[in-house]
Amino acid sequence: MPNYSYLIKPASSACNLKCKYCFYHDVASHREVRSYGNMQEITQDNIINKTLDVEDNAFISYAFQGGEPTLAGLDFFIQFTDKVNKHKKQNQKTTYPN
């Protein structure tokens, strides 16, 4: 079974915690546009469509990071997982971090 792993950043530089281990705050402060906000639905749809366009029997793993992903809100993750489950092929297996 082929394995695919995707790391997704749903909230662009939105976090203001300034954790010492995090480089996003510093990087974002040097950008012309500091934050693009949360991922737009059209971008979410494009990511899902492209990541599911693999073998029928693939194992697909999604993880979220950067800019404190929970700032995207619970509705974002519910919508994302619902769309993946709706559009994945019958034999594709998907997983998300706990």
PDB file of N, CA and C in Angstrom:
ATOM      1  N   MET A   1       0.843  -1.176   0.000  1.00  0.00           N
ATOM      2  CA  MET A   1       0.000   0.000   0.000  1.00  0.00           C
ATOM      3  C   MET A   1       0.889   1.241   0.000  1.00  0.00           C
ATOM      4  N   PRO A   2       0.752   2.130  -0.995  1.00  0.00           N
ATOM      5  CA  PRO A   2       1.547   3.358  -1.017  1.00  0.00           C
ATOM      6  C   PRO A   2       1.124   4.309   0.105  1.00  0.00           C
ATOM      7  N   ASN A   3       2.093   4.986   0.681  1.00  0.00           N
ATOM      8  CA  ASN A   3       1.843   5.932   1.768  1.00  0.00           C
ATOM      9  C   ASN A   3       2.151   7.362   1.335  1.00  0.00           C
ATOM     10  N   TYR A   4       1.267   8.268   1.690  1.00  0.00           N
ATOM     11  CA  TYR A   4       1.456   9.695   1.410  1.00  0.00           C
ATOM     12  C   TYR A   4       1.213  10.454   2.703  1.00  0.00           C
ATOM     13  N   SER A   5       2.083  11.403   2.987  1.00  0.00           N
ATOM     14  CA  SER A   5       1.957  12.209   4.196  1.00  0.00           C
ATOM     15  C   SER A   5       2.015  13.683   3.821  1.00  0.00           C
ATOM     16  N   TYR A   6       1.048  14.439   4.291  1.00  0.00           N
ATOM     17  CA  TYR A   6       0.961  15.863   3.953  1.00  0.00           C
ATOM     18  C   TYR A   6       0.956  16.701   5.223  1.00  0.00           C
ATOM     19  N   LEU A   7       1.724  17.778   5.200  1.00  0.00           N
ATOM     20  CA  LEU A   7       1.798  18.723   6.301  1.00  0.00           C
ATOM     21  C   LEU A   7       1.175  20.024   5.823  1.00  0.00           C
ATOM     22  N   ILE A   8       0.123  20.457   6.471  1.00  0.00           N
ATOM     23  CA  ILE A   8      -0.684  21.587   6.015  1.00  0.00           C
ATOM     24  C   ILE A   8      -0.644  22.702   7.048  1.00  0.00           C
ATOM     25  N   LYS A   9      -0.521  23.931   6.567  1.00  0.00           N
ATOM     26  CA  LYS A   9      -0.483  25.110   7.429  1.00  0.00           C
ATOM     27  C   LYS A   9      -1.769  25.918   7.226  1.00  0.00           C
ATOM     28  N   PRO A  10      -2.783  25.699   8.080  1.00  0.00           N
ATOM     29  CA  PRO A  10      -4.071  26.342   7.844  1.00  0.00           C
ATOM     30  C   PRO A  10      -4.213  27.776   8.352  1.00  0.00           C
ATOM     31  N   ALA A  11      -3.313  28.227   9.214  1.00  0.00           N
ATOM     32  CA  ALA A  11      -3.414  29.576   9.778  1.00  0.00           C
ATOM     33  C   ALA A  11      -2.067  30.280   9.604  1.00  0.00           C
ATOM     34  N   SER A  12      -1.995  31.158   8.640  1.00  0.00           N
ATOM     35  CA  SER A  12      -0.733  31.806   8.283  1.00  0.00           C
ATOM     36  C   SER A  12      -0.302  32.855   9.291  1.00  0.00           C
ATOM     37  N   SER A  13       0.707  32.537  10.046  1.00  0.00           N
ATOM     38  CA  SER A  13       1.353  33.493  10.963  1.00  0.00           C
ATOM     39  C   SER A  13       0.376  34.225  11.865  1.00  0.00           C
ATOM     40  N   ALA A  14      -0.709  33.593  12.241  1.00  0.00           N
ATOM     41  CA  ALA A  14      -1.730  34.253  13.047  1.00  0.00           C
ATOM     42  C   ALA A  14      -1.436  34.217  14.546  1.00  0.00           C
ATOM     43  N   CYS A  15      -0.559  33.332  14.966  1.00  0.00           N
ATOM     44  CA  CYS A  15      -0.272  33.158  16.381  1.00  0.00           C
ATOM     45  C   CYS A  15       0.546  34.336  16.920  1.00  0.00           C
ATOM     46  N   ASN A  16       0.188  34.781  18.122  1.00  0.00           N
ATOM     47  CA  ASN A  16       0.936  35.871  18.748  1.00  0.00           C
ATOM     48  C   ASN A  16       1.609  35.454  20.055  1.00  0.00           C
ATOM     49  N   LEU A  17       1.793  34.152  20.257  1.00  0.00           N
ATOM     50  CA  LEU A  17       2.378  33.673  21.507  1.00  0.00           C
ATOM     51  C   LEU A  17       3.884  33.912  21.602  1.00  0.00           C
ATOM     52  N   LYS A  18       4.558  33.996  20.479  1.00  0.00           N
ATOM     53  CA  LYS A  18       6.005  34.241  20.422  1.00  0.00           C
ATOM     54  C   LYS A  18       6.810  33.208  21.218  1.00  0.00           C
ATOM     55  N   CYS A  19       6.473  31.947  21.048  1.00  0.00           N
ATOM     56  CA  CYS A  19       7.211  30.877  21.736  1.00  0.00           C
ATOM     57  C   CYS A  19       8.675  30.906  21.300  1.00  0.00           C
ATOM     58  N   LYS A  20       9.590  30.655  22.217  1.00  0.00           N
ATOM     59  CA  LYS A  20      11.018  30.728  21.922  1.00  0.00           C
ATOM     60  C   LYS A  20      11.453  29.735  20.853  1.00  0.00           C
ATOM     61  N   TYR A  21      10.811  28.570  20.790  1.00  0.00           N
ATOM     62  CA  TYR A  21      11.193  27.545  19.825  1.00  0.00           C
ATOM     63  C   TYR A  21      10.610  27.789  18.432  1.00  0.00           C
ATOM     64  N   CYS A  22       9.677  28.728  18.292  1.00  0.00           N
ATOM     65  CA  CYS A  22       8.959  28.937  17.035  1.00  0.00           C
ATOM     66  C   CYS A  22       9.640  30.024  16.189  1.00  0.00           C
ATOM     67  N   PHE A  23       9.870  29.704  14.928  1.00  0.00           N
ATOM     68  CA  PHE A  23      10.507  30.677  14.032  1.00  0.00           C
ATOM     69  C   PHE A  23       9.498  31.473  13.211  1.00  0.00           C
ATOM     70  N   TYR A  24       8.214  31.086  13.226  1.00  0.00           N
ATOM     71  CA  TYR A  24       7.227  31.755  12.374  1.00  0.00           C
ATOM     72  C   TYR A  24       7.049  33.226  12.705  1.00  0.00           C
ATOM     73  N   HIS A  25       7.038  33.562  13.984  1.00  0.00           N
ATOM     74  CA  HIS A  25       6.830  34.969  14.363  1.00  0.00           C
ATOM     75  C   HIS A  25       7.917  35.858  13.773  1.00  0.00           C
ATOM     76  N   ASP A  26       9.165  35.434  13.886  1.00  0.00           N
ATOM     77  CA  ASP A  26      10.270  36.221  13.347  1.00  0.00           C
ATOM     78  C   ASP A  26      10.216  36.297  11.826  1.00  0.00           C
ATOM     79  N   VAL A  27       9.960  35.172  11.178  1.00  0.00           N
ATOM     80  CA  VAL A  27       9.881  35.138   9.715  1.00  0.00           C
ATOM     81  C   VAL A  27       8.751  36.041   9.233  1.00  0.00           C
ATOM     82  N   ALA A  28       7.601  35.937   9.881  1.00  0.00           N
ATOM     83  CA  ALA A  28       6.436  36.728   9.470  1.00  0.00           C
ATOM     84  C   ALA A  28       6.686  38.221   9.620  1.00  0.00           C
ATOM     85  N   SER A  29       7.445  38.612  10.626  1.00  0.00           N
ATOM     86  CA  SER A  29       7.694  40.041  10.843  1.00  0.00           C
ATOM     87  C   SER A  29       8.543  40.653   9.727  1.00  0.00           C
ATOM     88  N   HIS A  30       9.206  39.832   8.922  1.00  0.00           N
ATOM     89  CA  HIS A  30      10.023  40.330   7.818  1.00  0.00           C
ATOM     90  C   HIS A  30       9.318  40.229   6.459  1.00  0.00           C
ATOM     91  N   ARG A  31       8.113  39.780   6.451  1.00  0.00           N
ATOM     92  CA  ARG A  31       7.360  39.645   5.202  1.00  0.00           C
ATOM     93  C   ARG A  31       6.651  40.949   4.859  1.00  0.00           C
ATOM     94  N   GLU A  32       6.405  41.133   3.574  1.00  0.00           N
ATOM     95  CA  GLU A  32       5.633  42.297   3.140  1.00  0.00           C
ATOM     96  C   GLU A  32       4.199  42.204   3.680  1.00  0.00           C
ATOM     97  N   VAL A  33       3.609  41.003   3.608  1.00  0.00           N
ATOM     98  CA  VAL A  33       2.297  40.740   4.198  1.00  0.00           C
ATOM     99  C   VAL A  33       2.540  39.776   5.352  1.00  0.00           C
ATOM    100  N   ARG A  34       2.341  40.244   6.565  1.00  0.00           N
ATOM    101  CA  ARG A  34       2.674  39.455   7.743  1.00  0.00           C
ATOM    102  C   ARG A  34       1.855  38.176   7.832  1.00  0.00           C
ATOM    103  N   SER A  35       0.555  38.262   7.587  1.00  0.00           N
ATOM    104  CA  SER A  35      -0.311  37.090   7.694  1.00  0.00           C
ATOM    105  C   SER A  35      -1.387  37.138   6.615  1.00  0.00           C
ATOM    106  N   TYR A  36      -1.640  36.006   6.020  1.00  0.00           N
ATOM    107  CA  TYR A  36      -2.722  35.894   5.041  1.00  0.00           C
ATOM    108  C   TYR A  36      -3.985  35.330   5.691  1.00  0.00           C
ATOM    109  N   GLY A  37      -3.970  35.199   7.001  1.00  0.00           N
ATOM    110  CA  GLY A  37      -5.137  34.692   7.714  1.00  0.00           C
ATOM    111  C   GLY A  37      -5.310  33.203   7.545  1.00  0.00           C
ATOM    112  N   ASN A  38      -6.513  32.751   7.801  1.00  0.00           N
ATOM    113  CA  ASN A  38      -6.805  31.323   7.698  1.00  0.00           C
ATOM    114  C   ASN A  38      -6.955  30.900   6.243  1.00  0.00           C
ATOM    115  N   MET A  39      -6.690  29.641   6.005  1.00  0.00           N
ATOM    116  CA  MET A  39      -6.795  29.080   4.669  1.00  0.00           C
ATOM    117  C   MET A  39      -8.212  29.274   4.120  1.00  0.00           C
ATOM    118  N   GLN A  40      -8.295  29.732   2.888  1.00  0.00           N
ATOM    119  CA  GLN A  40      -9.591  29.911   2.247  1.00  0.00           C
ATOM    120  C   GLN A  40     -10.142  28.559   1.811  1.00  0.00           C
ATOM    121  N   GLU A  41     -11.456  28.475   1.697  1.00  0.00           N
ATOM    122  CA  GLU A  41     -12.099  27.204   1.347  1.00  0.00           C
ATOM    123  C   GLU A  41     -11.655  26.699  -0.022  1.00  0.00           C
ATOM    124  N   ILE A  42     -11.439  27.584  -0.982  1.00  0.00           N
ATOM    125  CA  ILE A  42     -10.994  27.158  -2.314  1.00  0.00           C
ATOM    126  C   ILE A  42      -9.621  26.502  -2.241  1.00  0.00           C
ATOM    127  N   THR A  43      -8.756  27.009  -1.386  1.00  0.00           N
ATOM    128  CA  THR A  43      -7.433  26.410  -1.189  1.00  0.00           C
ATOM    129  C   THR A  43      -7.577  25.045  -0.528  1.00  0.00           C
ATOM    130  N   GLN A  44      -8.434  24.960   0.462  1.00  0.00           N
ATOM    131  CA  GLN A  44      -8.705  23.682   1.128  1.00  0.00           C
ATOM    132  C   GLN A  44      -9.196  22.657   0.107  1.00  0.00           C
ATOM    133  N   ASP A  45     -10.124  23.055  -0.748  1.00  0.00           N
ATOM    134  CA  ASP A  45     -10.656  22.152  -1.774  1.00  0.00           C
ATOM    135  C   ASP A  45      -9.558  21.689  -2.729  1.00  0.00           C
ATOM    136  N   ASN A  46      -8.699  22.612  -3.157  1.00  0.00           N
ATOM    137  CA  ASN A  46      -7.602  22.260  -4.066  1.00  0.00           C
ATOM    138  C   ASN A  46      -6.640  21.270  -3.422  1.00  0.00           C
ATOM    139  N   ILE A  47      -6.301  21.498  -2.160  1.00  0.00           N
ATOM    140  CA  ILE A  47      -5.393  20.587  -1.448  1.00  0.00           C
ATOM    141  C   ILE A  47      -6.008  19.191  -1.354  1.00  0.00           C
ATOM    142  N   ILE A  48      -7.257  19.133  -0.961  1.00  0.00           N
ATOM    143  CA  ILE A  48      -7.922  17.833  -0.807  1.00  0.00           C
ATOM    144  C   ILE A  48      -7.978  17.106  -2.141  1.00  0.00           C
ATOM    145  N   ASN A  49      -8.380  17.799  -3.194  1.00  0.00           N
ATOM    146  CA  ASN A  49      -8.473  17.161  -4.514  1.00  0.00           C
ATOM    147  C   ASN A  49      -7.125  16.639  -4.986  1.00  0.00           C
ATOM    148  N   LYS A  50      -6.077  17.416  -4.801  1.00  0.00           N
ATOM    149  CA  LYS A  50      -4.748  17.000  -5.261  1.00  0.00           C
ATOM    150  C   LYS A  50      -4.172  15.868  -4.410  1.00  0.00           C
ATOM    151  N   THR A  51      -4.412  15.902  -3.115  1.00  0.00           N
ATOM    152  CA  THR A  51      -3.845  14.861  -2.257  1.00  0.00           C
ATOM    153  C   THR A  51      -4.582  13.535  -2.393  1.00  0.00           C
ATOM    154  N   LEU A  52      -5.823  13.572  -2.810  1.00  0.00           N
ATOM    155  CA  LEU A  52      -6.577  12.333  -3.001  1.00  0.00           C
ATOM    156  C   LEU A  52      -6.418  11.762  -4.404  1.00  0.00           C
ATOM    157  N   ASP A  53      -5.764  12.503  -5.268  1.00  0.00           N
ATOM    158  CA  ASP A  53      -5.561  12.051  -6.651  1.00  0.00           C
ATOM    159  C   ASP A  53      -4.331  11.146  -6.732  1.00  0.00           C
ATOM    160  N   VAL A  54      -4.389  10.047  -5.984  1.00  0.00           N
ATOM    161  CA  VAL A  54      -3.310   9.056  -5.944  1.00  0.00           C
ATOM    162  C   VAL A  54      -3.945   7.666  -6.077  1.00  0.00           C
ATOM    163  N   GLU A  55      -3.159   6.645  -5.895  1.00  0.00           N
ATOM    164  CA  GLU A  55      -3.639   5.271  -6.045  1.00  0.00           C
ATOM    165  C   GLU A  55      -4.879   5.001  -5.194  1.00  0.00           C
ATOM    166  N   ASP A  56      -5.699   4.105  -5.729  1.00  0.00           N
ATOM    167  CA  ASP A  56      -6.939   3.738  -5.036  1.00  0.00           C
ATOM    168  C   ASP A  56      -6.693   3.124  -3.661  1.00  0.00           C
ATOM    169  N   ASN A  57      -5.599   2.417  -3.496  1.00  0.00           N
ATOM    170  CA  ASN A  57      -5.341   1.732  -2.234  1.00  0.00           C
ATOM    171  C   ASN A  57      -4.332   2.472  -1.352  1.00  0.00           C
ATOM    172  N   ALA A  58      -4.188   3.760  -1.543  1.00  0.00           N
ATOM    173  CA  ALA A  58      -3.195   4.542  -0.803  1.00  0.00           C
ATOM    174  C   ALA A  58      -3.617   4.782   0.647  1.00  0.00           C
ATOM    175  N   PHE A  59      -2.594   4.930   1.489  1.00  0.00           N
ATOM    176  CA  PHE A  59      -2.767   5.360   2.873  1.00  0.00           C
ATOM    177  C   PHE A  59      -2.331   6.822   2.914  1.00  0.00           C
ATOM    178  N   ILE A  60      -3.237   7.725   3.267  1.00  0.00           N
ATOM    179  CA  ILE A  60      -2.973   9.165   3.203  1.00  0.00           C
ATOM    180  C   ILE A  60      -3.071   9.741   4.609  1.00  0.00           C
ATOM    181  N   SER A  61      -1.998  10.407   5.027  1.00  0.00           N
ATOM    182  CA  SER A  61      -1.933  10.994   6.356  1.00  0.00           C
ATOM    183  C   SER A  61      -1.867  12.515   6.245  1.00  0.00           C
ATOM    184  N   TYR A  62      -2.686  13.188   7.031  1.00  0.00           N
ATOM    185  CA  TYR A  62      -2.692  14.650   7.081  1.00  0.00           C
ATOM    186  C   TYR A  62      -2.258  15.113   8.465  1.00  0.00           C
ATOM    187  N   ALA A  63      -1.389  16.105   8.507  1.00  0.00           N
ATOM    188  CA  ALA A  63      -0.995  16.741   9.762  1.00  0.00           C
ATOM    189  C   ALA A  63      -1.049  18.249   9.542  1.00  0.00           C
ATOM    190  N   PHE A  64      -1.229  18.989  10.611  1.00  0.00           N
ATOM    191  CA  PHE A  64      -1.358  20.441  10.522  1.00  0.00           C
ATOM    192  C   PHE A  64      -0.355  21.084  11.468  1.00  0.00           C
ATOM    193  N   GLN A  65       0.267  22.160  10.988  1.00  0.00           N
ATOM    194  CA  GLN A  65       1.290  22.833  11.797  1.00  0.00           C
ATOM    195  C   GLN A  65       1.410  24.290  11.374  1.00  0.00           C
ATOM    196  N   GLY A  66       2.225  25.004  12.077  1.00  0.00           N
ATOM    197  CA  GLY A  66       2.599  26.366  11.706  1.00  0.00           C
ATOM    198  C   GLY A  66       1.574  27.420  12.061  1.00  0.00           C
ATOM    199  N   GLY A  67       2.032  28.476  12.706  1.00  0.00           N
ATOM    200  CA  GLY A  67       1.135  29.571  13.043  1.00  0.00           C
ATOM    201  C   GLY A  67       0.016  29.155  13.988  1.00  0.00           C
ATOM    202  N   GLU A  68       0.262  28.140  14.781  1.00  0.00           N
ATOM    203  CA  GLU A  68      -0.721  27.530  15.671  1.00  0.00           C
ATOM    204  C   GLU A  68      -1.974  27.139  14.902  1.00  0.00           C
ATOM    205  N   PRO A  69      -2.002  25.929  14.359  1.00  0.00           N
ATOM    206  CA  PRO A  69      -3.091  25.502  13.480  1.00  0.00           C
ATOM    207  C   PRO A  69      -4.482  25.563  14.104  1.00  0.00           C
ATOM    208  N   THR A  70      -4.576  25.455  15.439  1.00  0.00           N
ATOM    209  CA  THR A  70      -5.906  25.496  16.045  1.00  0.00           C
ATOM    210  C   THR A  70      -6.579  26.857  15.890  1.00  0.00           C
ATOM    211  N   LEU A  71      -5.804  27.884  15.519  1.00  0.00           N
ATOM    212  CA  LEU A  71      -6.399  29.199  15.260  1.00  0.00           C
ATOM    213  C   LEU A  71      -7.317  29.175  14.038  1.00  0.00           C
ATOM    214  N   ALA A  72      -7.210  28.149  13.223  1.00  0.00           N
ATOM    215  CA  ALA A  72      -8.119  28.009  12.081  1.00  0.00           C
ATOM    216  C   ALA A  72      -9.534  27.709  12.571  1.00  0.00           C
ATOM    217  N   GLY A  73      -9.663  27.205  13.781  1.00  0.00           N
ATOM    218  CA  GLY A  73     -10.970  26.934  14.361  1.00  0.00           C
ATOM    219  C   GLY A  73     -11.434  25.510  14.122  1.00  0.00           C
ATOM    220  N   LEU A  74     -12.246  25.041  15.032  1.00  0.00           N
ATOM    221  CA  LEU A  74     -12.759  23.675  14.963  1.00  0.00           C
ATOM    222  C   LEU A  74     -13.540  23.431  13.676  1.00  0.00           C
ATOM    223  N   ASP A  75     -14.299  24.424  13.228  1.00  0.00           N
ATOM    224  CA  ASP A  75     -15.088  24.262  12.004  1.00  0.00           C
ATOM    225  C   ASP A  75     -14.209  23.959  10.798  1.00  0.00           C
ATOM    226  N   PHE A  76     -13.016  24.546  10.744  1.00  0.00           N
ATOM    227  CA  PHE A  76     -12.092  24.269   9.644  1.00  0.00           C
ATOM    228  C   PHE A  76     -11.754  22.779   9.596  1.00  0.00           C
ATOM    229  N   PHE A  77     -11.412  22.202  10.736  1.00  0.00           N
ATOM    230  CA  PHE A  77     -10.990  20.808  10.785  1.00  0.00           C
ATOM    231  C   PHE A  77     -12.160  19.851  10.549  1.00  0.00           C
ATOM    232  N   ILE A  78     -13.327  20.198  11.040  1.00  0.00           N
ATOM    233  CA  ILE A  78     -14.522  19.388  10.765  1.00  0.00           C
ATOM    234  C   ILE A  78     -14.812  19.407   9.270  1.00  0.00           C
ATOM    235  N   GLN A  79     -14.778  20.594   8.674  1.00  0.00           N
ATOM    236  CA  GLN A  79     -15.027  20.731   7.236  1.00  0.00           C
ATOM    237  C   GLN A  79     -13.978  19.962   6.437  1.00  0.00           C
ATOM    238  N   PHE A  80     -12.716  20.080   6.818  1.00  0.00           N
ATOM    239  CA  PHE A  80     -11.633  19.406   6.110  1.00  0.00           C
ATOM    240  C   PHE A  80     -11.824  17.891   6.140  1.00  0.00           C
ATOM    241  N   THR A  81     -12.037  17.345   7.315  1.00  0.00           N
ATOM    242  CA  THR A  81     -12.173  15.893   7.424  1.00  0.00           C
ATOM    243  C   THR A  81     -13.447  15.392   6.737  1.00  0.00           C
ATOM    244  N   ASP A  82     -14.521  16.165   6.822  1.00  0.00           N
ATOM    245  CA  ASP A  82     -15.754  15.776   6.125  1.00  0.00           C
ATOM    246  C   ASP A  82     -15.538  15.713   4.614  1.00  0.00           C
ATOM    247  N   LYS A  83     -14.823  16.704   4.070  1.00  0.00           N
ATOM    248  CA  LYS A  83     -14.561  16.730   2.628  1.00  0.00           C
ATOM    249  C   LYS A  83     -13.662  15.572   2.206  1.00  0.00           C
ATOM    250  N   VAL A  84     -12.638  15.296   2.991  1.00  0.00           N
ATOM    251  CA  VAL A  84     -11.752  14.175   2.670  1.00  0.00           C
ATOM    252  C   VAL A  84     -12.548  12.877   2.665  1.00  0.00           C
ATOM    253  N   ASN A  85     -13.339  12.664   3.692  1.00  0.00           N
ATOM    254  CA  ASN A  85     -14.123  11.432   3.781  1.00  0.00           C
ATOM    255  C   ASN A  85     -15.141  11.317   2.645  1.00  0.00           C
ATOM    256  N   LYS A  86     -15.667  12.423   2.212  1.00  0.00           N
ATOM    257  CA  LYS A  86     -16.644  12.422   1.121  1.00  0.00           C
ATOM    258  C   LYS A  86     -15.993  12.111  -0.231  1.00  0.00           C
ATOM    259  N   HIS A  87     -14.773  12.614  -0.452  1.00  0.00           N
ATOM    260  CA  HIS A  87     -14.145  12.539  -1.771  1.00  0.00           C
ATOM    261  C   HIS A  87     -13.089  11.447  -1.926  1.00  0.00           C
ATOM    262  N   LYS A  88     -12.658  10.839  -0.836  1.00  0.00           N
ATOM    263  CA  LYS A  88     -11.632   9.800  -0.980  1.00  0.00           C
ATOM    264  C   LYS A  88     -12.201   8.586  -1.708  1.00  0.00           C
ATOM    265  N   LYS A  89     -11.305   7.875  -2.345  1.00  0.00           N
ATOM    266  CA  LYS A  89     -11.706   6.657  -3.051  1.00  0.00           C
ATOM    267  C   LYS A  89     -12.021   5.567  -2.033  1.00  0.00           C
ATOM    268  N   GLN A  90     -12.820   4.619  -2.435  1.00  0.00           N
ATOM    269  CA  GLN A  90     -13.331   3.601  -1.529  1.00  0.00           C
ATOM    270  C   GLN A  90     -12.237   2.857  -0.767  1.00  0.00           C
ATOM    271  N   ASN A  91     -11.127   2.538  -1.433  1.00  0.00           N
ATOM    272  CA  ASN A  91     -10.058   1.770  -0.786  1.00  0.00           C
ATOM    273  C   ASN A  91      -8.958   2.636  -0.172  1.00  0.00           C
ATOM    274  N   GLN A  92      -9.074   3.953  -0.263  1.00  0.00           N
ATOM    275  CA  GLN A  92      -8.070   4.821   0.363  1.00  0.00           C
ATOM    276  C   GLN A  92      -8.327   4.903   1.854  1.00  0.00           C
ATOM    277  N   LYS A  93      -7.254   4.878   2.617  1.00  0.00           N
ATOM    278  CA  LYS A  93      -7.324   5.020   4.074  1.00  0.00           C
ATOM    279  C   LYS A  93      -6.713   6.372   4.431  1.00  0.00           C
ATOM    280  N   THR A  94      -7.350   7.078   5.360  1.00  0.00           N
ATOM    281  CA  THR A  94      -6.818   8.381   5.769  1.00  0.00           C
ATOM    282  C   THR A  94      -6.676   8.410   7.285  1.00  0.00           C
ATOM    283  N   THR A  95      -5.747   9.246   7.725  1.00  0.00           N
ATOM    284  CA  THR A  95      -5.533   9.416   9.154  1.00  0.00           C
ATOM    285  C   THR A  95      -5.144  10.862   9.431  1.00  0.00           C
ATOM    286  N   TYR A  96      -5.422  11.277  10.648  1.00  0.00           N
ATOM    287  CA  TYR A  96      -5.098  12.617  11.132  1.00  0.00           C
ATOM    288  C   TYR A  96      -4.464  12.449  12.504  1.00  0.00           C
ATOM    289  N   PRO A  97      -3.596  13.367  12.889  1.00  0.00           N
ATOM    290  CA  PRO A  97      -2.991  13.232  14.225  1.00  0.00           C
ATOM    291  C   PRO A  97      -4.051  13.380  15.323  1.00  0.00           C
ATOM    292  N   ASN A  98      -3.848  12.691  16.417  1.00  0.00           N
ATOM    293  CA  ASN A  98      -4.779  12.774  17.547  1.00  0.00           C
ATOM    294  C   ASN A  98      -4.519  14.000  18.360  1.00  0.00           C
TER     295      ASN A  98
END
